[in-house]
């Protein structure tokens, strides 16, 4: 494996690990954990998915999104409804985020943050409504803000870590492979 393949493999593992970690925290601490989990883990996952979209083929992205949803359910069965809510929200939001990101043009950082807003809105609404059995507008709103802020933070960290790869992609104006 070359350096780029190793970086991509590690990014996929971090992406999938973030979902499992988020489920464990939500199952253990309930709605009070949502703002912290969404900023740190889900914000990272939203931005990391946007980076991976530029380095993986469409079928690979779809497979990763599907695997992430399945892993959320399989690895956290004790979380019960949290795992179901997470798998459903994760898959739905990732597909929305993926679509919005693919439709946008311009710099990666702008596309990532705009698509994160769409993904955060869907993820928050679906997850909180299913996981906690009620439509909770205040929690959903806080979750969206936290995910968008986390996505903004993590997108800049990723832009620094992968600056050469992202700059090359931005220069070419490349879309999803």
Protein backbone atom coordinates (compact mmCIF):
# COMPACT_ATOMS: atom_id res chain seq x y z
CA UNK A 1 0.00 0.00 0.00
CA UNK A 2 1.20 3.48 -0.76
CA UNK A 3 0.88 6.49 1.56
CA UNK A 4 -2.36 7.69 -0.05
CA UNK A 5 -4.01 4.27 0.30
CA UNK A 6 -2.95 4.02 3.93
CA UNK A 7 -4.34 7.51 4.66
CA UNK A 8 -7.63 6.60 2.98
CA UNK A 9 -7.90 3.29 4.87
CA UNK A 10 -7.23 5.06 8.18
CA UNK A 11 -9.80 7.74 7.32
CA UNK A 12 -12.42 5.04 6.64
CA UNK A 13 -11.65 3.37 9.99
CA UNK A 14 -11.90 6.69 11.86
CA UNK A 15 -15.15 7.43 10.01
CA UNK A 16 -16.72 4.11 11.02
CA UNK A 17 -15.28 4.28 14.55
CA UNK A 18 -16.84 7.70 15.06
CA UNK A 19 -20.30 6.30 14.44
CA UNK A 20 -19.85 3.42 16.88
CA UNK A 21 -18.39 5.77 19.51
CA UNK A 22 -21.26 8.20 19.07
CA UNK A 23 -23.77 5.36 19.58
CA UNK A 24 -22.09 4.20 22.77
CA UNK A 25 -22.10 7.70 24.23
CA UNK A 26 -25.74 8.34 23.27
CA UNK A 27 -26.83 4.97 24.67
CA UNK A 28 -24.92 5.55 27.91
CA UNK A 29 -25.77 9.20 28.58
CA UNK A 30 -29.01 9.87 26.64
CA UNK A 31 -30.03 13.23 25.15
CA UNK A 32 -27.63 15.18 27.39
CA UNK A 33 -24.68 13.65 25.50
CA UNK A 34 -25.99 14.71 22.10
CA UNK A 35 -24.32 18.17 21.84
CA UNK A 36 -20.88 16.85 22.82
CA UNK A 37 -21.12 13.74 20.65
CA UNK A 38 -22.42 15.67 17.65
CA UNK A 39 -19.68 18.29 17.78
CA UNK A 40 -16.79 15.88 18.26
CA UNK A 41 -17.72 12.65 16.51
CA UNK A 42 -20.53 13.43 14.07
CA UNK A 43 -18.95 16.72 12.95
CA UNK A 44 -15.79 14.77 12.21
CA UNK A 45 -17.71 12.09 10.33
CA UNK A 46 -19.59 14.60 8.17
CA UNK A 47 -16.36 16.32 7.11
CA UNK A 48 -14.37 13.12 6.76
CA UNK A 49 -17.06 11.67 4.51
CA UNK A 50 -16.76 14.72 2.26
CA UNK A 51 -13.00 14.19 2.04
CA UNK A 52 -13.41 10.48 1.32
CA UNK A 53 -15.93 11.26 -1.40
CA UNK A 54 -13.12 12.86 -3.37
CA UNK A 55 -10.80 9.90 -3.00
CA UNK A 56 -13.17 6.95 -3.43
CA UNK A 57 -15.38 5.77 -6.27
CA UNK A 58 -19.17 6.21 -5.98
CA UNK A 59 -19.81 2.51 -5.39
CA UNK A 60 -17.15 2.49 -2.65
CA UNK A 61 -18.78 5.48 -0.95
CA UNK A 62 -22.19 3.84 -1.08
CA UNK A 63 -20.73 0.61 0.34
CA UNK A 64 -19.00 2.54 3.12
CA UNK A 65 -22.21 4.39 4.01
CA UNK A 66 -24.14 1.11 4.04
CA UNK A 67 -21.45 -0.61 6.12
CA UNK A 68 -21.46 2.33 8.55
CA UNK A 69 -25.20 1.97 9.06
CA UNK A 70 -24.91 -1.80 9.50
CA UNK A 71 -21.91 -1.53 11.84
CA UNK A 72 -23.85 0.98 13.94
CA UNK A 73 -26.52 -1.63 14.48
CA UNK A 74 -24.37 -4.76 14.73
CA UNK A 75 -21.66 -3.46 17.08
CA UNK A 76 -23.95 -1.70 19.51
CA UNK A 77 -26.87 -4.13 19.96
CA UNK A 78 -27.13 -3.30 23.66
CA UNK A 79 -27.98 0.22 22.63
CA UNK A 80 -31.17 -1.13 21.01
CA UNK A 81 -33.20 1.74 19.66
CA UNK A 82 -30.11 4.00 19.69
CA UNK A 83 -28.43 1.67 17.19
CA UNK A 84 -31.55 1.56 15.00
CA UNK A 85 -31.91 5.34 15.15
CA UNK A 86 -28.21 5.81 14.43
CA UNK A 87 -28.13 3.38 11.52
CA UNK A 88 -31.21 5.00 9.98
CA UNK A 89 -30.05 8.58 10.60
CA UNK A 90 -26.45 7.86 9.56
CA UNK A 91 -27.43 6.24 6.27
CA UNK A 92 -30.08 8.81 5.37
CA UNK A 93 -27.93 11.82 6.31
CA UNK A 94 -24.84 10.43 4.57
CA UNK A 95 -26.77 9.95 1.34
CA UNK A 96 -28.17 13.51 1.56
CA UNK A 97 -24.75 14.95 2.41
CA UNK A 98 -23.17 12.96 -0.43
CA UNK A 99 -25.76 14.20 -2.93
CA UNK A 100 -25.49 17.85 -1.90
CA UNK A 101 -21.68 17.72 -1.92
CA UNK A 102 -21.67 16.13 -5.40
CA UNK A 103 -24.02 18.80 -6.78
CA UNK A 104 -22.00 21.74 -5.46
CA UNK A 105 -19.09 23.29 -7.35
CA UNK A 106 -16.06 25.11 -6.02
CA UNK A 107 -13.56 24.67 -3.21
CA UNK A 108 -13.71 21.54 -1.06
CA UNK A 109 -13.99 23.49 2.21
CA UNK A 110 -17.10 25.37 1.02
CA UNK A 111 -18.73 22.27 -0.45
CA UNK A 112 -17.99 20.28 2.71
CA UNK A 113 -19.51 22.84 5.03
CA UNK A 114 -22.62 23.47 2.93
CA UNK A 115 -23.31 19.76 2.53
CA UNK A 116 -22.72 19.30 6.27
CA UNK A 117 -25.66 21.62 6.97
CA UNK A 118 -27.99 19.40 4.93
CA UNK A 119 -26.58 16.23 6.48
CA UNK A 120 -26.79 17.65 10.01
CA UNK A 121 -30.43 18.65 9.61
CA UNK A 122 -31.46 15.21 8.39
CA UNK A 123 -29.27 13.30 10.85
CA UNK A 124 -30.46 15.28 13.87
CA UNK A 125 -34.14 15.07 13.04
CA UNK A 126 -34.13 11.35 12.24
CA UNK A 127 -31.83 10.30 15.11
CA UNK A 128 -33.45 12.24 17.93
CA UNK A 129 -37.00 11.45 16.84
CA UNK A 130 -36.36 7.70 16.61
CA UNK A 131 -33.87 7.34 19.49
CA UNK A 132 -35.88 9.23 22.08
CA UNK A 133 -39.36 8.52 20.73
CA UNK A 134 -40.49 12.10 20.24
CA UNK A 135 -39.99 15.10 18.00
CA UNK A 136 -37.86 17.34 20.23
CA UNK A 137 -37.30 20.65 18.38
CA UNK A 138 -34.92 22.18 20.93
CA UNK A 139 -32.69 19.09 21.01
CA UNK A 140 -32.82 18.80 17.23
CA UNK A 141 -31.88 22.48 16.83
CA UNK A 142 -29.01 22.19 19.31
CA UNK A 143 -27.84 19.02 17.59
CA UNK A 144 -27.87 20.69 14.15
CA UNK A 145 -25.89 23.69 15.43
CA UNK A 146 -23.43 21.40 17.20
CA UNK A 147 -22.93 19.18 14.12
CA UNK A 148 -22.48 22.15 11.80
CA UNK A 149 -19.99 23.76 14.22
CA UNK A 150 -18.17 20.44 14.62
CA UNK A 151 -18.17 19.93 10.86
CA UNK A 152 -16.75 23.43 10.39
CA UNK A 153 -14.00 22.77 12.96
CA UNK A 154 -13.12 19.33 11.57
CA UNK A 155 -13.22 20.44 7.93
CA UNK A 156 -10.46 22.95 8.70
CA UNK A 157 -8.43 20.34 10.57
CA UNK A 158 -8.80 17.94 7.63
CA UNK A 159 -7.92 20.73 5.20
CA UNK A 160 -4.66 21.20 7.10
CA UNK A 161 -3.88 17.47 7.38
CA UNK A 162 -4.67 16.74 3.73
CA UNK A 163 -3.79 20.18 2.33
CA UNK A 164 -1.81 18.88 -0.66
CA UNK A 165 -4.48 16.41 -1.73
CA UNK A 166 -7.31 18.90 -1.26
CA UNK A 167 -5.38 21.68 -3.04
CA UNK A 168 -4.76 19.38 -6.01
CA UNK A 169 -8.43 18.45 -6.14
CA UNK A 170 -9.51 22.11 -5.86
CA UNK A 171 -7.10 23.07 -8.67
CA UNK A 172 -8.47 20.43 -11.00
CA UNK A 173 -12.04 21.26 -10.02
CA UNK A 174 -12.55 17.54 -9.59
CA UNK A 175 -15.91 16.15 -8.62
CA UNK A 176 -16.69 12.81 -7.05
CA UNK A 177 -14.71 10.06 -8.84
